[in-house]
Amino acid sequence: MQPLDLYASIEEYLDFDEQIDTLYKKIASVVLSKGITNLIDIGCGQGEFIKLLEHNGIDSFGVDLSAKQIQIASSKGLNVKCVDIKDIKAKYSCATAVFDVINYLNSDYLIEFLTHTYNLLEDDGYFIFDINSNFGFSEVAIGALTIDIGEKFIAIDANFDDNILYTDITLFTKNKGCYKKDSGTIVQYYHTNKVLKAILQQVGFSVEEIEGFNLHGFKQDDKFIFICKKGKI
């Protein structure tokens, strides 16, 4: 099983709903403040952010590279598709990438991804996303967790080394008295605000605001929210 599909299989058991909902509501409030009417959510996962946007009257389309995530989102009746953004021809007034999406991209792929995102937008369109701070990676995200729910046993071990977070996931699923094992590693990359801002400007975005955000109740910001606007080249 692919690592992101594996994560999709265990996400409902991780008890992050409150934190995720807080982040979704924060970014939705930014979207609504810009008067945006249509939007593409990149890395939409299981579609909960799209549901929130639709509830607030914003026509939304979600894409994700995890077929498992899209299957779950589709079962909720949402407008989603498993497709790479480079293959999308439509234009949108806003693109979002919520809950660590940018952190899944290494520095070599960032320019390509941001260029494709730029091309998805109408002139003066917005790109709004969050990233983890160094504190969010080095102090909040690391650690080990086990979850035993009878038919499933989940083990998670996250380590941050040389600006990369490695999250090892192991899932044992009971079936007819035997356990099936699935395992994989999710890799996320730390990007400094300075470097990311420079790449965004290189692609053609202007960065209107970078807002620190405290998602987990610590004194330091564990996330930053970027509000960017497409310029005309």
Protein backbone atom coordinates (compact mmCIF):
# COMPACT_ATOMS: atom_id res chain seq x y z
CA MET A 1 0.00 0.00 0.00
CA GLN A 2 1.30 3.46 -0.90
CA PRO A 3 2.25 5.56 2.18
CA LEU A 4 -0.43 8.22 1.61
CA ASP A 5 -3.07 5.55 1.02
CA LEU A 6 -1.90 3.89 4.23
CA TYR A 7 -2.30 7.19 6.05
CA ALA A 8 -5.81 7.49 4.61
CA SER A 9 -6.62 4.10 6.12
CA ILE A 10 -5.69 5.23 9.64
CA GLU A 11 -6.53 8.94 9.61
CA GLU A 12 -9.93 8.51 11.30
CA TYR A 13 -8.25 6.93 14.35
CA LEU A 14 -5.68 9.67 14.99
CA ASP A 15 -7.88 12.03 17.01
CA PHE A 16 -6.67 15.20 15.25
CA ASP A 17 -10.19 16.31 14.28
CA GLU A 18 -10.28 19.35 16.55
CA GLN A 19 -6.94 20.72 15.36
CA ILE A 20 -7.72 20.07 11.69
CA ASP A 21 -11.13 21.72 12.04
CA THR A 22 -9.48 24.78 13.60
CA LEU A 23 -7.06 25.09 10.69
CA TYR A 24 -9.81 24.57 8.10
CA LYS A 25 -11.97 27.28 9.68
CA LYS A 26 -9.04 29.69 9.80
CA ILE A 27 -8.13 29.26 6.13
CA ALA A 28 -11.81 29.28 5.09
CA SER A 29 -12.15 32.66 6.84
CA VAL A 30 -9.25 33.99 4.76
CA VAL A 31 -10.85 32.67 1.56
CA LEU A 32 -14.20 34.24 2.43
CA SER A 33 -12.56 37.59 3.23
CA LYS A 34 -11.23 37.77 -0.34
CA GLY A 35 -14.66 37.43 -1.96
CA ILE A 36 -13.64 34.24 -3.78
CA THR A 37 -16.44 32.37 -5.57
CA ASN A 38 -14.67 29.32 -7.06
CA LEU A 39 -11.69 27.37 -5.85
CA ILE A 40 -9.49 24.33 -6.41
CA ASP A 41 -8.23 22.57 -3.29
CA ILE A 42 -4.93 20.81 -4.03
CA GLY A 43 -4.29 17.76 -1.87
CA CYS A 44 -7.92 17.72 -0.75
CA GLY A 45 -7.62 14.45 1.18
CA GLN A 46 -10.99 13.17 2.32
CA GLY A 47 -12.72 16.41 1.40
CA GLU A 48 -13.64 17.93 4.76
CA PHE A 49 -12.23 21.35 3.81
CA ILE A 50 -14.26 21.28 0.57
CA LYS A 51 -17.39 20.47 2.57
CA LEU A 52 -16.76 23.54 4.72
CA LEU A 53 -16.23 25.76 1.68
CA GLU A 54 -19.35 24.44 -0.06
CA HIS A 55 -21.35 25.11 3.12
CA ASN A 56 -20.21 28.72 2.85
CA GLY A 57 -21.28 29.05 -0.79
CA ILE A 58 -17.92 28.61 -2.53
CA ASP A 59 -17.93 26.38 -5.62
CA SER A 60 -15.05 23.99 -4.91
CA PHE A 61 -13.19 21.24 -6.75
CA GLY A 62 -10.72 18.97 -4.97
CA VAL A 63 -7.77 17.00 -6.33
CA ASP A 64 -5.45 14.52 -4.66
CA LEU A 65 -2.89 11.96 -5.82
CA SER A 66 -4.11 9.38 -3.29
CA ALA A 67 -6.78 7.22 -4.90
CA LYS A 68 -7.85 6.05 -1.44
CA GLN A 69 -8.45 9.60 -0.24
CA ILE A 70 -10.42 10.47 -3.37
CA GLN A 71 -12.52 7.33 -2.97
CA ILE A 72 -13.47 8.43 0.54
CA ALA A 73 -14.16 12.02 -0.54
CA SER A 74 -16.27 10.84 -3.50
CA SER A 75 -18.41 8.73 -1.18
CA LYS A 76 -19.44 12.00 0.49
CA GLY A 77 -20.81 13.34 -2.80
CA LEU A 78 -18.01 15.87 -3.26
CA ASN A 79 -16.60 17.18 -6.54
CA VAL A 80 -13.16 15.57 -6.45
CA LYS A 81 -10.76 13.76 -8.76
CA CYS A 82 -7.50 11.81 -8.56
CA VAL A 83 -5.43 13.86 -11.00
CA ASP A 84 -2.12 15.72 -11.18
CA ILE A 85 -2.60 19.50 -11.31
CA LYS A 86 -0.38 19.74 -14.39
CA ASP A 87 -3.16 18.00 -16.33
CA ILE A 88 -5.91 20.46 -15.35
CA LYS A 89 -6.85 23.07 -17.96
CA ALA A 90 -9.56 25.01 -16.11
CA LYS A 91 -8.86 28.34 -14.35
CA TYR A 92 -9.86 29.24 -10.81
CA SER A 93 -10.02 32.42 -8.75
CA CYS A 94 -8.26 30.68 -5.86
CA ALA A 95 -6.16 27.61 -5.11
CA THR A 96 -5.61 26.23 -1.63
CA ALA A 97 -3.20 23.63 -0.27
CA VAL A 98 -4.19 22.90 3.31
CA PHE A 99 -2.75 20.85 6.17
CA ASP A 100 0.92 20.32 5.25
CA VAL A 101 0.52 19.82 1.48
CA ILE A 102 3.53 22.03 0.66
CA ASN A 103 5.64 20.17 3.23
CA TYR A 104 5.26 16.96 1.21
CA LEU A 105 7.21 18.58 -1.64
CA ASN A 106 10.99 18.56 -1.70
CA SER A 107 12.90 21.63 -2.83
CA ASP A 108 13.61 20.17 -6.28
CA TYR A 109 9.87 19.88 -7.06
CA LEU A 110 8.67 23.12 -5.44
CA ILE A 111 9.24 25.39 -8.44
CA GLU A 112 7.46 22.96 -10.79
CA PHE A 113 4.51 22.58 -8.41
CA LEU A 114 4.16 26.31 -7.80
CA THR A 115 4.38 27.00 -11.54
CA HIS A 116 1.54 24.55 -12.22
CA THR A 117 -0.46 26.18 -9.42
CA TYR A 118 0.20 29.63 -10.89
CA ASN A 119 -1.08 28.42 -14.27
CA LEU A 120 -4.32 27.18 -12.66
CA LEU A 121 -5.26 30.67 -11.55
CA GLU A 122 -7.06 33.54 -13.21
CA ASP A 123 -5.24 36.88 -13.26
CA ASP A 124 -5.13 38.27 -9.70
CA GLY A 125 -6.15 34.87 -8.36
CA TYR A 126 -5.14 33.84 -4.85
CA PHE A 127 -3.02 30.97 -3.60
CA ILE A 128 -3.50 30.27 0.11
CA PHE A 129 -1.66 27.53 2.00
CA ASP A 130 -0.08 26.55 5.30
CA ILE A 131 3.32 25.11 6.17
CA ASN A 132 4.85 23.74 9.36
CA SER A 133 7.35 25.91 11.22
CA ASN A 134 10.64 24.50 12.42
CA PHE A 135 9.12 24.35 15.91
CA GLY A 136 6.12 22.49 14.49
CA PHE A 137 8.41 19.83 13.07
CA SER A 138 11.14 19.61 15.71
CA GLU A 139 8.95 19.83 18.83
CA VAL A 140 5.32 19.07 17.91
CA ALA A 141 5.38 16.46 15.16
CA ILE A 142 8.01 14.11 16.55
CA GLY A 143 7.31 11.15 18.83
CA ALA A 144 5.76 7.70 18.94
CA LEU A 145 2.12 6.68 19.13
CA THR A 146 0.32 3.33 19.30
CA ILE A 147 -3.41 2.73 18.86
CA ASP A 148 -5.06 -0.60 19.66
CA ILE A 149 -8.69 -0.85 18.53
CA GLY A 150 -9.11 -4.62 18.49
CA GLU A 151 -9.34 -5.34 14.79
CA LYS A 152 -6.54 -2.88 14.04
CA PHE A 153 -3.24 -2.05 15.70
CA ILE A 154 -1.44 1.12 14.58
CA ALA A 155 2.13 2.16 15.39
CA ILE A 156 3.50 5.57 14.38
CA ASP A 157 7.04 6.83 14.92
CA ALA A 158 8.05 10.31 13.72
CA ASN A 159 11.61 11.67 13.69
CA PHE A 160 12.95 15.02 12.43
CA ASP A 161 16.47 14.94 11.04
CA ASP A 162 18.34 17.35 8.76
CA ASN A 163 15.14 19.35 8.04
CA ILE A 164 13.17 16.25 7.05
CA LEU A 165 10.38 14.60 9.03
CA TYR A 166 10.18 10.83 8.63
CA THR A 167 6.92 9.30 9.85
CA ASP A 168 6.96 5.50 9.93
CA ILE A 169 3.49 3.94 9.95
CA THR A 170 2.71 0.29 10.64
CA LEU A 171 -0.82 -1.08 10.47
CA PHE A 172 -1.86 -4.58 11.53
CA THR A 173 -5.38 -5.54 10.43
CA LYS A 174 -7.04 -8.67 11.84
CA ASN A 175 -8.81 -10.94 9.37
CA LYS A 176 -10.05 -14.45 10.23
CA GLY A 177 -7.72 -14.79 13.18
CA CYS A 178 -4.64 -13.62 11.29
CA TYR A 179 -3.05 -10.17 11.03
CA LYS A 180 -2.10 -8.48 7.78
CA LYS A 181 0.77 -6.01 8.03
CA ASP A 182 1.06 -2.81 5.99
CA SER A 183 3.86 -0.34 6.54
CA GLY A 184 5.32 2.74 4.94
CA THR A 185 7.12 6.01 5.56
CA ILE A 186 5.73 9.46 4.91
CA VAL A 187 8.37 12.12 4.26
CA GLN A 188 7.87 15.83 4.83
CA TYR A 189 10.30 18.69 4.25
CA TYR A 190 10.89 21.87 6.23
CA HIS A 191 10.99 25.05 4.12
CA THR A 192 11.98 28.39 5.60
CA ASN A 193 9.66 31.34 5.01
CA LYS A 194 12.50 33.26 3.36
CA VAL A 195 13.31 30.55 0.80
CA LEU A 196 9.66 29.79 0.08
CA LYS A 197 8.84 33.47 -0.41
CA ALA A 198 11.72 33.82 -2.87
CA ILE A 199 10.52 30.82 -4.90
CA LEU A 200 6.94 32.13 -4.95
CA GLN A 201 8.15 35.50 -6.24
CA GLN A 202 10.34 33.78 -8.83
CA VAL A 203 7.28 31.97 -10.17
CA GLY A 204 5.24 35.19 -10.33
CA PHE A 205 3.33 35.36 -7.05
CA SER A 206 3.31 38.33 -4.74
CA VAL A 207 3.19 37.38 -1.07
CA GLU A 208 0.57 39.57 0.60
CA GLU A 209 0.94 38.15 4.10
CA ILE A 210 2.63 35.41 6.11
CA GLU A 211 0.66 34.83 9.30
CA GLY A 212 1.95 32.79 12.22
CA PHE A 213 -0.59 30.30 13.53
CA ASN A 214 -0.66 28.31 16.76
CA LEU A 215 -2.52 25.08 16.14
CA HIS A 216 -1.55 23.00 19.15
CA GLY A 217 -1.60 25.46 22.05
CA PHE A 218 2.12 26.09 22.44
CA LYS A 219 3.68 29.51 22.96
CA GLN A 220 5.48 29.37 19.60
CA ASP A 221 3.79 29.25 16.22
CA ASP A 222 3.78 25.74 14.81
CA LYS A 223 2.43 26.84 11.42
CA PHE A 224 2.54 29.72 8.99
CA ILE A 225 -0.26 30.67 6.60
CA PHE A 226 0.79 32.22 3.28
CA ILE A 227 -1.60 34.47 1.37
CA CYS A 228 -0.30 34.95 -2.18
CA LYS A 229 -1.65 36.61 -5.29
CA LYS A 230 -0.95 35.84 -8.93
CA GLY A 231 0.80 38.65 -10.73
CA LYS A 232 0.82 39.31 -14.44
CA ILE A 233 4.05 38.40 -16.25
